[in-house]
Amino acid sequence: ESRWPYLFGAIIVPSLIQVMILPFLPESPRYLLLEKHNTSKAEKAFQTFLGKDDVSQEIEEVLAESRVQRNTKLVSILQLLRTRAVRWQVVTVVITMGCYQLCGLNAV
């Protein structure tokens, strides 16, 4: 029992290693391209990750995927339940997750 503080303190070592390494890691190319709108940094990040000079195809793929996501229509839960094609899948998942929560497996 006297060694519990050491057990809780052991998490400090990986945390410090992560904090020291984090500034040297490149940012996500998708984040740089879509959120920051910085094409040059995104291109450099892609080059770092992929190890090749021409990454224009990857940049175009990310931009195309972003356009598709913007055109995707979001639906509410009520609309989802009213759609006959997916109603049974949604009900099955809800019942399964409800049973999972009630069975006490999380408590074990």
Protein backbone atom coordinates (compact mmCIF):
# COMPACT_ATOMS: atom_id res chain seq x y z
CA GLU A 1 0.00 0.00 0.00
CA SER A 2 2.86 2.37 0.61
CA ARG A 3 3.88 2.22 -3.07
CA TRP A 4 0.58 3.46 -4.55
CA PRO A 5 1.89 7.03 -5.04
CA TYR A 6 4.69 5.62 -7.21
CA LEU A 7 2.18 3.76 -9.33
CA PHE A 8 0.15 6.90 -9.90
CA GLY A 9 3.31 8.92 -10.52
CA ALA A 10 4.57 6.53 -13.20
CA ILE A 11 2.28 8.15 -15.76
CA ILE A 12 4.39 11.30 -15.59
CA VAL A 13 7.26 9.73 -17.60
CA PRO A 14 5.26 8.94 -20.80
CA SER A 15 3.48 12.28 -20.51
CA LEU A 16 6.75 14.20 -20.41
CA ILE A 17 8.13 12.22 -23.36
CA GLN A 18 5.01 13.05 -25.37
CA VAL A 19 5.17 16.75 -24.50
CA MET A 20 8.83 16.89 -25.57
CA ILE A 21 8.27 15.05 -28.89
CA LEU A 22 4.98 16.72 -29.91
CA PRO A 23 6.48 19.98 -31.29
CA PHE A 24 8.63 18.00 -33.74
CA LEU A 25 5.74 16.04 -35.29
CA PRO A 26 4.23 17.37 -38.52
CA GLU A 27 0.64 18.54 -38.53
CA SER A 28 -2.05 16.65 -40.39
CA PRO A 29 -2.11 17.53 -44.10
CA ARG A 30 -5.93 17.40 -44.11
CA TYR A 31 -6.09 19.85 -41.19
CA LEU A 32 -3.63 22.21 -42.84
CA LEU A 33 -5.44 22.08 -46.16
CA LEU A 34 -9.08 22.17 -45.07
CA GLU A 35 -9.04 24.07 -41.80
CA LYS A 36 -6.03 26.37 -42.11
CA HIS A 37 -6.26 26.74 -45.92
CA ASN A 38 -2.47 26.56 -46.11
CA THR A 39 -1.67 24.63 -49.29
CA SER A 40 2.11 24.97 -49.06
CA LYS A 41 2.33 23.53 -45.54
CA ALA A 42 -0.13 20.78 -46.47
CA GLU A 43 2.03 19.91 -49.46
CA LYS A 44 5.15 19.73 -47.27
CA ALA A 45 3.32 17.54 -44.74
CA PHE A 46 2.18 15.18 -47.51
CA GLN A 47 5.74 15.02 -48.80
CA THR A 48 6.97 14.17 -45.30
CA PHE A 49 4.39 11.43 -44.80
CA LEU A 50 4.57 9.89 -48.27
CA GLY A 51 8.24 10.45 -49.06
CA LYS A 52 7.67 11.69 -52.61
CA ASP A 53 7.89 15.09 -54.28
CA ASP A 54 4.71 15.16 -56.37
CA VAL A 55 1.72 15.11 -54.03
CA SER A 56 -0.72 17.05 -56.20
CA GLN A 57 -2.91 13.98 -56.66
CA GLU A 58 -3.28 13.51 -52.90
CA ILE A 59 -4.17 17.18 -52.45
CA GLU A 60 -6.81 16.90 -55.15
CA GLU A 61 -8.24 13.77 -53.49
CA VAL A 62 -8.55 15.57 -50.15
CA LEU A 63 -10.23 18.57 -51.79
CA ALA A 64 -12.63 16.30 -53.72
CA GLU A 65 -13.52 14.43 -50.54
CA SER A 66 -14.15 17.74 -48.80
CA ARG A 67 -16.52 18.81 -51.59
CA VAL A 68 -18.43 15.54 -51.27
CA GLN A 69 -18.72 15.96 -47.50
CA ARG A 70 -20.08 19.48 -47.87
CA ASN A 71 -22.77 18.21 -50.25
CA THR A 72 -23.85 15.44 -47.88
CA LYS A 73 -27.24 16.10 -46.32
CA LEU A 74 -27.54 15.53 -42.58
CA VAL A 75 -30.72 13.94 -41.30
CA SER A 76 -32.31 14.03 -37.87
CA ILE A 77 -33.06 10.95 -35.79
CA LEU A 78 -36.77 11.30 -36.55
CA GLN A 79 -36.11 11.39 -40.29
CA LEU A 80 -33.84 8.38 -39.90
CA LEU A 81 -36.57 6.41 -38.12
CA ARG A 82 -39.15 7.43 -40.72
CA THR A 83 -37.01 6.03 -43.54
CA ARG A 84 -38.17 2.47 -44.01
CA ALA A 85 -34.87 1.30 -45.56
CA VAL A 86 -32.80 1.92 -42.41
CA ARG A 87 -35.42 1.76 -39.64
CA TRP A 88 -34.74 -1.86 -38.64
CA GLN A 89 -30.99 -1.36 -38.62
CA VAL A 90 -31.33 1.64 -36.31
CA VAL A 91 -33.76 -0.15 -34.00
CA THR A 92 -31.49 -3.21 -33.87
CA VAL A 93 -28.45 -1.13 -32.96
CA VAL A 94 -30.38 0.83 -30.30
CA ILE A 95 -31.71 -2.37 -28.69
CA THR A 96 -28.29 -4.01 -28.80
CA MET A 97 -26.58 -1.02 -27.18
CA GLY A 98 -29.35 -0.73 -24.59
CA CYS A 99 -28.95 -4.39 -23.64
CA TYR A 100 -25.19 -3.94 -23.49
CA GLN A 101 -25.60 -1.10 -21.01
CA LEU A 102 -28.12 -2.99 -18.88
CA CYS A 103 -26.30 -6.33 -18.74
CA GLY A 104 -23.63 -5.05 -16.35
CA LEU A 105 -20.65 -5.88 -18.54
CA ASN A 106 -19.21 -2.41 -17.98
CA ALA A 107 -19.31 -2.99 -14.23
CA VAL A 108 -17.19 -6.13 -14.57
